[in-house]
Amino acid sequence: MTESVEQCDCGATAGPLGLCADYYHRILTEEQTDPQMYRWHAPVVCAYLLQHPAEAHDKHLDGQFRWLQFYLDKGMDAMIRVQRHQVARNSHRARSSYDQAPLAPYAPLPAGKSPGPFRATFSGLPFDDDSFVFDGHAAYGRRIDALVEATLESWESVRA
């Protein structure tokens, strides 16, 4: 009898915690108690949804794709500054709309379906001692950067 291997929509096989969705939800839960880990929230969400577009709203995927490019180009601190600016513009008192200018220089999402499998996936993230930051926040950040890079790389292959 052959043992079946669970496979995620993105093409990844299940890890010790399950499929990518299990990892994603566990990360979101852990972020709530760890402000340092929460710094990577936006790249985590964008990478997850671009790797699993069936769980996303199509109208937001282009912006998420551009956010990941911005993040790799400008870094975490710049991304957080722009996010704070966006939140301030979105207040009821400001009555401003979302500012697209920071993302305008970046390439749009290539047309086509999800390019999976990806060389780095959520179900491939190491998890030890009941945490994703078991070896420190910098190491966790490097793993999220690898996910972001793999996500952009695969989507760019659609354009080629």
Protein backbone atom coordinates (compact mmCIF):
# COMPACT_ATOMS: atom_id res chain seq x y z
CA MET A 1 0.00 0.00 0.00
CA THR A 2 1.36 3.43 -0.95
CA GLU A 3 1.30 6.21 1.64
CA SER A 4 -0.29 9.42 0.31
CA VAL A 5 1.52 12.70 0.88
CA GLU A 6 -0.59 15.78 1.57
CA GLN A 7 0.11 18.52 -0.92
CA CYS A 8 -0.80 22.18 -0.66
CA ASP A 9 -2.34 24.24 -3.49
CA CYS A 10 1.02 25.97 -3.92
CA GLY A 11 2.68 22.63 -4.68
CA ALA A 12 4.41 22.20 -1.31
CA THR A 13 4.12 19.04 0.72
CA ALA A 14 2.89 19.17 4.28
CA GLY A 15 5.43 19.80 7.02
CA PRO A 16 5.29 18.71 10.67
CA LEU A 17 2.58 21.32 11.43
CA GLY A 18 0.53 20.46 8.34
CA LEU A 19 -0.08 22.37 5.12
CA CYS A 20 0.95 25.98 4.47
CA ALA A 21 -2.35 27.30 5.88
CA ASP A 22 -1.55 25.63 9.20
CA TYR A 23 1.86 27.35 9.28
CA TYR A 24 0.36 30.68 8.21
CA HIS A 25 -2.27 30.66 10.96
CA ARG A 26 0.31 29.59 13.53
CA ILE A 27 2.55 32.51 12.48
CA LEU A 28 -0.36 34.96 12.76
CA THR A 29 -1.13 33.62 16.23
CA GLU A 30 2.48 33.85 17.40
CA GLU A 31 2.80 37.41 16.03
CA GLN A 32 0.07 38.55 18.42
CA THR A 33 2.32 37.92 21.42
CA ASP A 34 5.62 38.98 19.87
CA PRO A 35 5.86 42.61 18.67
CA GLN A 36 9.30 42.00 17.12
CA MET A 37 7.98 39.10 15.07
CA TYR A 38 4.95 41.20 14.06
CA ARG A 39 7.26 43.52 12.10
CA TRP A 40 7.19 40.89 9.32
CA HIS A 41 3.38 40.71 9.25
CA ALA A 42 2.88 42.46 5.89
CA PRO A 43 5.51 40.42 3.99
CA VAL A 44 4.11 37.22 5.55
CA VAL A 45 0.54 38.03 4.46
CA CYS A 46 1.54 39.15 0.97
CA ALA A 47 3.78 36.14 0.35
CA TYR A 48 1.17 33.71 1.64
CA LEU A 49 -1.61 35.14 -0.50
CA LEU A 50 0.57 35.28 -3.61
CA GLN A 51 1.57 31.66 -3.07
CA HIS A 52 -2.09 30.73 -2.42
CA PRO A 53 -4.08 33.15 -4.62
CA ALA A 54 -7.27 31.09 -4.33
CA GLU A 55 -7.44 32.39 -0.73
CA ALA A 56 -6.95 36.03 -1.80
CA HIS A 57 -9.03 38.70 -3.48
CA ASP A 58 -7.83 39.07 -7.07
CA LYS A 59 -8.09 42.86 -6.89
CA HIS A 60 -5.44 42.99 -4.14
CA LEU A 61 -2.82 40.61 -5.60
CA ASP A 62 -1.15 43.28 -7.75
CA GLY A 63 -0.68 45.55 -4.72
CA GLN A 64 0.64 42.65 -2.66
CA PHE A 65 3.11 41.80 -5.43
CA ARG A 66 4.31 45.41 -5.51
CA TRP A 67 4.55 45.53 -1.68
CA LEU A 68 6.93 42.59 -1.71
CA GLN A 69 9.11 44.30 -4.32
CA PHE A 70 9.08 47.50 -2.26
CA TYR A 71 10.00 45.55 0.87
CA LEU A 72 13.01 43.85 -0.75
CA ASP A 73 14.11 47.10 -2.40
CA LYS A 74 13.69 49.55 0.48
CA GLY A 75 13.70 47.35 3.59
CA MET A 76 11.59 46.86 6.66
CA ASP A 77 11.88 50.36 8.11
CA ALA A 78 10.77 52.02 4.86
CA MET A 79 7.84 49.62 4.57
CA ILE A 80 6.72 50.40 8.12
CA ARG A 81 6.96 54.17 7.45
CA VAL A 82 4.76 53.82 4.36
CA GLN A 83 2.29 51.62 6.23
CA ARG A 84 1.99 54.24 8.98
CA HIS A 85 1.45 56.90 6.33
CA GLN A 86 -1.29 54.77 4.74
CA VAL A 87 -3.03 54.22 8.09
CA ALA A 88 -2.94 57.96 8.82
CA ARG A 89 -4.43 58.73 5.38
CA ASN A 90 -7.14 56.16 5.95
CA SER A 91 -8.48 57.71 9.14
CA HIS A 92 -12.02 59.01 9.07
CA ARG A 93 -10.80 62.52 9.81
CA ALA A 94 -8.28 62.60 6.95
CA ARG A 95 -10.79 61.48 4.29
CA SER A 96 -7.88 60.60 2.00
CA SER A 97 -7.61 57.58 -0.23
CA TYR A 98 -4.91 54.95 -0.38
CA ASP A 99 -1.66 56.46 -1.67
CA GLN A 100 -0.43 54.37 -4.61
CA ALA A 101 2.66 56.52 -5.25
CA PRO A 102 5.16 54.45 -3.19
CA LEU A 103 4.27 51.28 -5.14
CA ALA A 104 3.99 52.84 -8.61
CA PRO A 105 7.65 52.27 -9.61
CA TYR A 106 7.36 48.51 -9.13
CA ALA A 107 6.38 45.95 -11.76
CA PRO A 108 2.74 44.88 -11.84
CA LEU A 109 1.69 41.31 -11.14
CA PRO A 110 2.26 39.24 -14.28
CA ALA A 111 -0.90 37.97 -15.94
CA GLY A 112 -1.52 34.28 -15.59
CA LYS A 113 -2.18 31.67 -12.98
CA SER A 114 -0.11 30.99 -9.88
CA PRO A 115 3.35 29.78 -10.89
CA GLY A 116 3.90 27.26 -8.07
CA PRO A 117 5.63 25.24 -6.88
CA PHE A 118 7.82 27.74 -5.04
CA ARG A 119 11.38 27.03 -3.92
CA ALA A 120 10.54 28.28 -0.40
CA THR A 121 7.13 27.69 1.17
CA PHE A 122 5.39 28.16 4.49
CA SER A 123 5.25 24.43 5.21
CA GLY A 124 9.04 24.41 4.86
CA LEU A 125 9.59 26.92 7.66
CA PRO A 126 11.39 25.47 10.66
CA PHE A 127 9.47 25.39 13.90
CA ASP A 128 11.08 24.40 17.19
CA ASP A 129 10.45 24.90 20.89
CA ASP A 130 6.83 25.88 19.99
CA SER A 131 8.02 28.93 18.00
CA PHE A 132 9.09 30.20 14.59
CA VAL A 133 11.64 32.51 16.25
CA PHE A 134 13.36 29.74 18.22
CA ASP A 135 16.74 30.91 16.95
CA GLY A 136 16.09 34.64 17.07
CA HIS A 137 14.20 37.33 15.19
CA ALA A 138 16.99 38.02 12.71
CA ALA A 139 17.01 34.37 11.61
CA TYR A 140 13.22 34.39 11.33
CA GLY A 141 13.43 37.57 9.23
CA ARG A 142 15.94 35.92 6.87
CA ARG A 143 13.54 33.01 6.41
CA ILE A 144 10.69 35.40 5.60
CA ASP A 145 12.99 37.20 3.15
CA ALA A 146 13.65 33.84 1.44
CA LEU A 147 9.89 33.26 1.17
CA VAL A 148 9.42 36.73 -0.33
CA GLU A 149 12.26 36.22 -2.81
CA ALA A 150 10.92 32.80 -3.85
CA THR A 151 7.43 34.23 -4.29
CA LEU A 152 8.60 37.10 -6.50
CA GLU A 153 10.97 34.85 -8.44
CA SER A 154 8.21 32.39 -9.30
CA TRP A 155 5.74 35.08 -10.30
CA GLU A 156 8.39 36.77 -12.45
CA SER A 157 8.86 33.46 -14.28
CA VAL A 158 5.29 33.83 -15.55
CA ARG A 159 6.32 37.04 -17.31
CA ALA A 160 9.30 35.40 -19.05
